[in-house]
N, C-alpha and C. Protein backbone atom coordinates (compact mmCIF):
# COMPACT_ATOMS: atom_id res chain seq x y z
N MET A 1 28.10 45.95 132.08
CA MET A 1 28.18 44.73 131.31
C MET A 1 29.63 44.54 130.86
N THR A 2 30.46 44.18 131.80
CA THR A 2 31.86 43.96 131.46
C THR A 2 32.17 42.50 131.18
N TRP A 3 31.27 41.59 131.53
CA TRP A 3 31.59 40.17 131.39
C TRP A 3 31.81 39.73 129.95
N PRO A 4 31.13 40.28 128.92
CA PRO A 4 31.43 39.81 127.56
C PRO A 4 32.88 40.07 127.15
N THR A 5 33.41 41.23 127.50
CA THR A 5 34.79 41.54 127.13
C THR A 5 35.77 40.69 127.94
N GLU A 6 35.42 40.42 129.21
CA GLU A 6 36.28 39.56 130.03
C GLU A 6 36.26 38.12 129.51
N ALA A 7 35.08 37.65 129.11
CA ALA A 7 34.99 36.30 128.55
C ALA A 7 35.85 36.19 127.29
N HIS A 8 35.83 37.22 126.46
CA HIS A 8 36.66 37.24 125.25
C HIS A 8 38.14 37.25 125.62
N ARG A 9 38.50 38.07 126.59
CA ARG A 9 39.90 38.16 127.03
C ARG A 9 40.40 36.82 127.55
N LEU A 10 39.51 36.05 128.17
CA LEU A 10 39.87 34.76 128.73
C LEU A 10 39.77 33.61 127.71
N GLY A 11 39.44 33.94 126.46
CA GLY A 11 39.49 32.93 125.42
C GLY A 11 38.18 32.48 124.82
N ALA A 12 37.06 33.05 125.23
CA ALA A 12 35.78 32.66 124.63
C ALA A 12 35.79 32.98 123.14
N GLU A 13 35.39 32.01 122.34
CA GLU A 13 35.38 32.20 120.89
C GLU A 13 34.06 32.78 120.40
N GLU A 14 32.96 32.42 121.05
CA GLU A 14 31.64 32.95 120.70
C GLU A 14 30.95 33.40 121.97
N ILE A 15 30.32 34.56 121.92
CA ILE A 15 29.63 35.10 123.08
C ILE A 15 28.23 35.51 122.64
N THR A 16 27.22 34.93 123.31
CA THR A 16 25.84 35.26 123.01
C THR A 16 25.17 35.73 124.29
N LEU A 17 24.54 36.89 124.22
CA LEU A 17 23.82 37.44 125.36
C LEU A 17 22.33 37.31 125.06
N VAL A 18 21.58 36.75 125.99
CA VAL A 18 20.13 36.63 125.81
C VAL A 18 19.44 37.43 126.89
N ASP A 19 18.30 38.02 126.52
CA ASP A 19 17.58 38.86 127.47
C ASP A 19 16.10 38.80 127.15
N ILE A 20 15.26 39.04 128.16
CA ILE A 20 13.83 39.05 127.94
C ILE A 20 13.36 40.36 127.29
N GLN A 21 14.21 41.36 127.32
CA GLN A 21 13.90 42.65 126.72
C GLN A 21 15.15 43.19 126.04
N GLU A 22 14.99 44.29 125.33
CA GLU A 22 16.17 44.89 124.71
C GLU A 22 17.17 45.18 125.82
N PRO A 23 18.43 44.72 125.65
CA PRO A 23 19.43 44.95 126.70
C PRO A 23 19.55 46.43 127.04
N LEU A 24 19.69 46.70 128.33
CA LEU A 24 19.78 48.07 128.80
C LEU A 24 21.19 48.65 128.69
N SER A 25 22.10 47.85 128.15
CA SER A 25 23.47 48.33 128.01
C SER A 25 23.54 49.45 126.98
N PHE A 26 24.51 50.31 127.17
CA PHE A 26 24.68 51.43 126.24
C PHE A 26 26.09 51.96 126.37
N GLY A 27 26.43 52.86 125.49
CA GLY A 27 27.72 53.53 125.56
C GLY A 27 28.91 52.60 125.41
N LYS A 28 29.94 52.87 126.21
CA LYS A 28 31.20 52.13 126.10
C LYS A 28 31.03 50.64 126.37
N GLU A 29 30.18 50.27 127.33
CA GLU A 29 29.99 48.84 127.62
C GLU A 29 29.40 48.11 126.43
N ARG A 30 28.38 48.68 125.83
CA ARG A 30 27.73 48.05 124.67
C ARG A 30 28.72 47.99 123.50
N GLU A 31 29.41 49.08 123.27
CA GLU A 31 30.39 49.13 122.18
C GLU A 31 31.49 48.10 122.37
N ALA A 32 31.96 47.94 123.60
CA ALA A 32 33.02 46.97 123.88
C ALA A 32 32.52 45.54 123.61
N ALA A 33 31.30 45.24 124.00
CA ALA A 33 30.73 43.92 123.73
C ALA A 33 30.61 43.69 122.22
N GLU A 34 30.17 44.70 121.51
CA GLU A 34 30.04 44.57 120.05
C GLU A 34 31.40 44.42 119.38
N GLU A 35 32.43 45.05 119.93
CA GLU A 35 33.78 44.96 119.37
C GLU A 35 34.35 43.54 119.44
N VAL A 36 33.90 42.75 120.43
CA VAL A 36 34.37 41.36 120.53
C VAL A 36 33.36 40.41 119.88
N ASP A 37 32.50 40.98 119.03
CA ASP A 37 31.50 40.22 118.26
C ASP A 37 30.48 39.49 119.13
N ALA A 38 30.17 40.02 120.31
CA ALA A 38 29.11 39.44 121.13
C ALA A 38 27.79 39.59 120.38
N LYS A 39 26.99 38.53 120.41
CA LYS A 39 25.70 38.54 119.74
C LYS A 39 24.61 38.79 120.78
N PHE A 40 23.73 39.72 120.49
CA PHE A 40 22.62 40.03 121.37
C PHE A 40 21.35 39.39 120.82
N ARG A 41 20.64 38.63 121.66
CA ARG A 41 19.37 38.02 121.25
C ARG A 41 18.29 38.41 122.25
N TRP A 42 17.23 39.01 121.74
CA TRP A 42 16.09 39.41 122.56
C TRP A 42 14.88 39.61 121.66
N PRO A 43 13.70 39.50 122.11
CA PRO A 43 13.31 38.98 123.42
C PRO A 43 13.43 37.45 123.44
N VAL A 44 14.04 36.95 124.46
CA VAL A 44 14.27 35.52 124.64
C VAL A 44 13.93 35.16 126.09
N ILE A 45 13.21 34.07 126.26
CA ILE A 45 12.89 33.61 127.61
C ILE A 45 13.57 32.26 127.83
N THR A 46 14.44 32.21 128.82
CA THR A 46 15.13 30.98 129.16
C THR A 46 14.19 30.10 129.97
N LYS A 47 13.99 28.88 129.50
CA LYS A 47 13.15 27.94 130.24
C LYS A 47 13.97 27.13 131.23
N GLU A 48 15.20 26.75 130.78
CA GLU A 48 15.99 25.85 131.60
C GLU A 48 17.46 25.91 131.19
N ILE A 49 18.34 25.79 132.16
CA ILE A 49 19.76 25.60 131.86
C ILE A 49 19.99 24.11 131.81
N ILE A 50 20.53 23.64 130.71
CA ILE A 50 20.76 22.21 130.53
C ILE A 50 22.26 21.95 130.36
N HIS A 51 22.61 20.68 130.30
CA HIS A 51 24.02 20.30 130.21
C HIS A 51 24.73 20.94 129.01
N ASP A 52 24.02 21.06 127.89
CA ASP A 52 24.64 21.56 126.66
C ASP A 52 24.48 23.06 126.45
N GLY A 53 23.80 23.76 127.34
CA GLY A 53 23.59 25.19 127.17
C GLY A 53 22.31 25.65 127.82
N ILE A 54 21.45 26.35 127.05
CA ILE A 54 20.17 26.79 127.59
C ILE A 54 19.05 26.39 126.65
N LYS A 55 17.90 26.08 127.25
CA LYS A 55 16.71 25.74 126.50
C LYS A 55 15.75 26.90 126.63
N LEU A 56 15.27 27.39 125.50
CA LEU A 56 14.35 28.52 125.50
C LEU A 56 12.91 28.05 125.61
N ASP A 57 12.00 28.96 125.90
CA ASP A 57 10.60 28.59 126.01
C ASP A 57 10.01 28.13 124.67
N THR A 58 10.70 28.44 123.59
CA THR A 58 10.26 28.01 122.26
C THR A 58 10.70 26.58 121.95
N GLY A 59 11.55 26.01 122.80
CA GLY A 59 12.10 24.69 122.57
C GLY A 59 13.49 24.74 121.93
N GLU A 60 13.87 25.90 121.42
CA GLU A 60 15.20 26.05 120.81
C GLU A 60 16.26 25.88 121.89
N ILE A 61 17.36 25.27 121.50
CA ILE A 61 18.49 25.10 122.41
C ILE A 61 19.66 25.93 121.88
N ILE A 62 20.20 26.76 122.73
CA ILE A 62 21.41 27.51 122.40
C ILE A 62 22.55 26.78 123.07
N LEU A 63 23.43 26.22 122.26
CA LEU A 63 24.55 25.44 122.78
C LEU A 63 25.56 26.36 123.45
N ALA A 64 26.10 25.89 124.57
CA ALA A 64 27.10 26.68 125.30
C ALA A 64 27.96 25.77 126.16
N ASP A 65 29.24 26.07 126.22
CA ASP A 65 30.15 25.39 127.14
C ASP A 65 29.99 25.96 128.55
N THR A 66 29.73 27.27 128.62
CA THR A 66 29.60 27.96 129.89
C THR A 66 28.40 28.89 129.83
N VAL A 67 27.62 28.93 130.90
CA VAL A 67 26.49 29.85 131.00
C VAL A 67 26.75 30.76 132.19
N ILE A 68 26.72 32.06 131.95
CA ILE A 68 26.90 33.05 133.01
C ILE A 68 25.54 33.71 133.23
N ILE A 69 25.07 33.68 134.46
CA ILE A 69 23.79 34.29 134.78
C ILE A 69 24.05 35.66 135.35
N SER A 70 23.47 36.66 134.72
CA SER A 70 23.59 38.03 135.19
C SER A 70 22.18 38.52 135.47
N VAL A 71 21.86 38.71 136.74
CA VAL A 71 20.51 39.10 137.14
C VAL A 71 20.47 40.60 137.32
N GLY A 72 19.52 41.20 136.63
CA GLY A 72 19.37 42.64 136.72
C GLY A 72 18.33 43.04 137.74
N MET A 73 17.25 43.57 137.26
CA MET A 73 16.23 44.15 138.12
C MET A 73 15.34 43.12 138.81
N CYS A 74 15.20 41.94 138.23
CA CYS A 74 14.26 40.97 138.76
C CYS A 74 14.96 39.64 139.02
N ARG A 75 14.75 39.08 140.19
CA ARG A 75 15.43 37.83 140.54
C ARG A 75 14.51 36.64 140.35
N ILE A 76 13.99 36.46 139.15
CA ILE A 76 13.19 35.28 138.85
C ILE A 76 14.14 34.27 138.24
N LEU A 77 14.48 33.26 139.02
CA LEU A 77 15.49 32.30 138.59
C LEU A 77 14.93 30.89 138.51
N THR A 78 13.66 30.75 138.16
CA THR A 78 13.04 29.43 138.11
C THR A 78 13.68 28.53 137.06
N PHE A 79 14.39 29.10 136.10
CA PHE A 79 15.06 28.30 135.08
C PHE A 79 16.34 27.65 135.60
N CYS A 80 16.81 28.08 136.77
CA CYS A 80 18.01 27.51 137.37
C CYS A 80 17.64 26.28 138.20
N PRO A 81 18.52 25.31 138.26
CA PRO A 81 18.26 24.16 139.12
C PRO A 81 18.02 24.62 140.57
N ARG A 82 17.14 23.92 141.27
CA ARG A 82 16.76 24.30 142.63
C ARG A 82 17.98 24.40 143.55
N ARG A 83 18.95 23.48 143.41
CA ARG A 83 20.11 23.51 144.29
C ARG A 83 20.91 24.80 144.12
N TRP A 84 20.93 25.37 142.91
CA TRP A 84 21.61 26.65 142.71
C TRP A 84 20.88 27.76 143.44
N ARG A 85 19.55 27.74 143.35
CA ARG A 85 18.76 28.79 144.00
C ARG A 85 18.94 28.73 145.51
N LEU A 86 18.99 27.52 146.06
CA LEU A 86 19.19 27.37 147.50
C LEU A 86 20.56 27.89 147.93
N CYS A 87 21.59 27.61 147.11
CA CYS A 87 22.95 28.10 147.42
C CYS A 87 23.01 29.62 147.37
N ALA A 88 22.16 30.22 146.54
CA ALA A 88 22.12 31.68 146.42
C ALA A 88 21.24 32.32 147.49
N GLY A 89 20.63 31.47 148.35
CA GLY A 89 19.79 32.00 149.41
C GLY A 89 18.37 32.29 148.98
N LEU A 90 17.96 31.71 147.85
CA LEU A 90 16.60 31.92 147.36
C LEU A 90 15.79 30.66 147.61
N SER A 91 14.59 30.80 148.09
CA SER A 91 13.80 29.61 148.44
C SER A 91 13.03 29.05 147.25
N ARG A 92 12.83 29.84 146.20
CA ARG A 92 12.06 29.35 145.05
C ARG A 92 12.91 29.27 143.82
């Protein structure tokens, strides 16, 4: 999980990580993310990526200028627009 520290290095002012389960990060990577004040939110289910950020299954919207998708063990990307999934070689 190096992207939170890289996002900070490139000028991100706020960094929020959302996950469906407790993030599996640990050790130096987790500590580095916490050092740049990255906020961890879980359990969270993303329903849709929208123009202003992400919409959760609860209806809450987390505002964001940029959304970075990091897929771990499971490639369920139904919250992504279909054209993105097709570009990634996924049919669903």
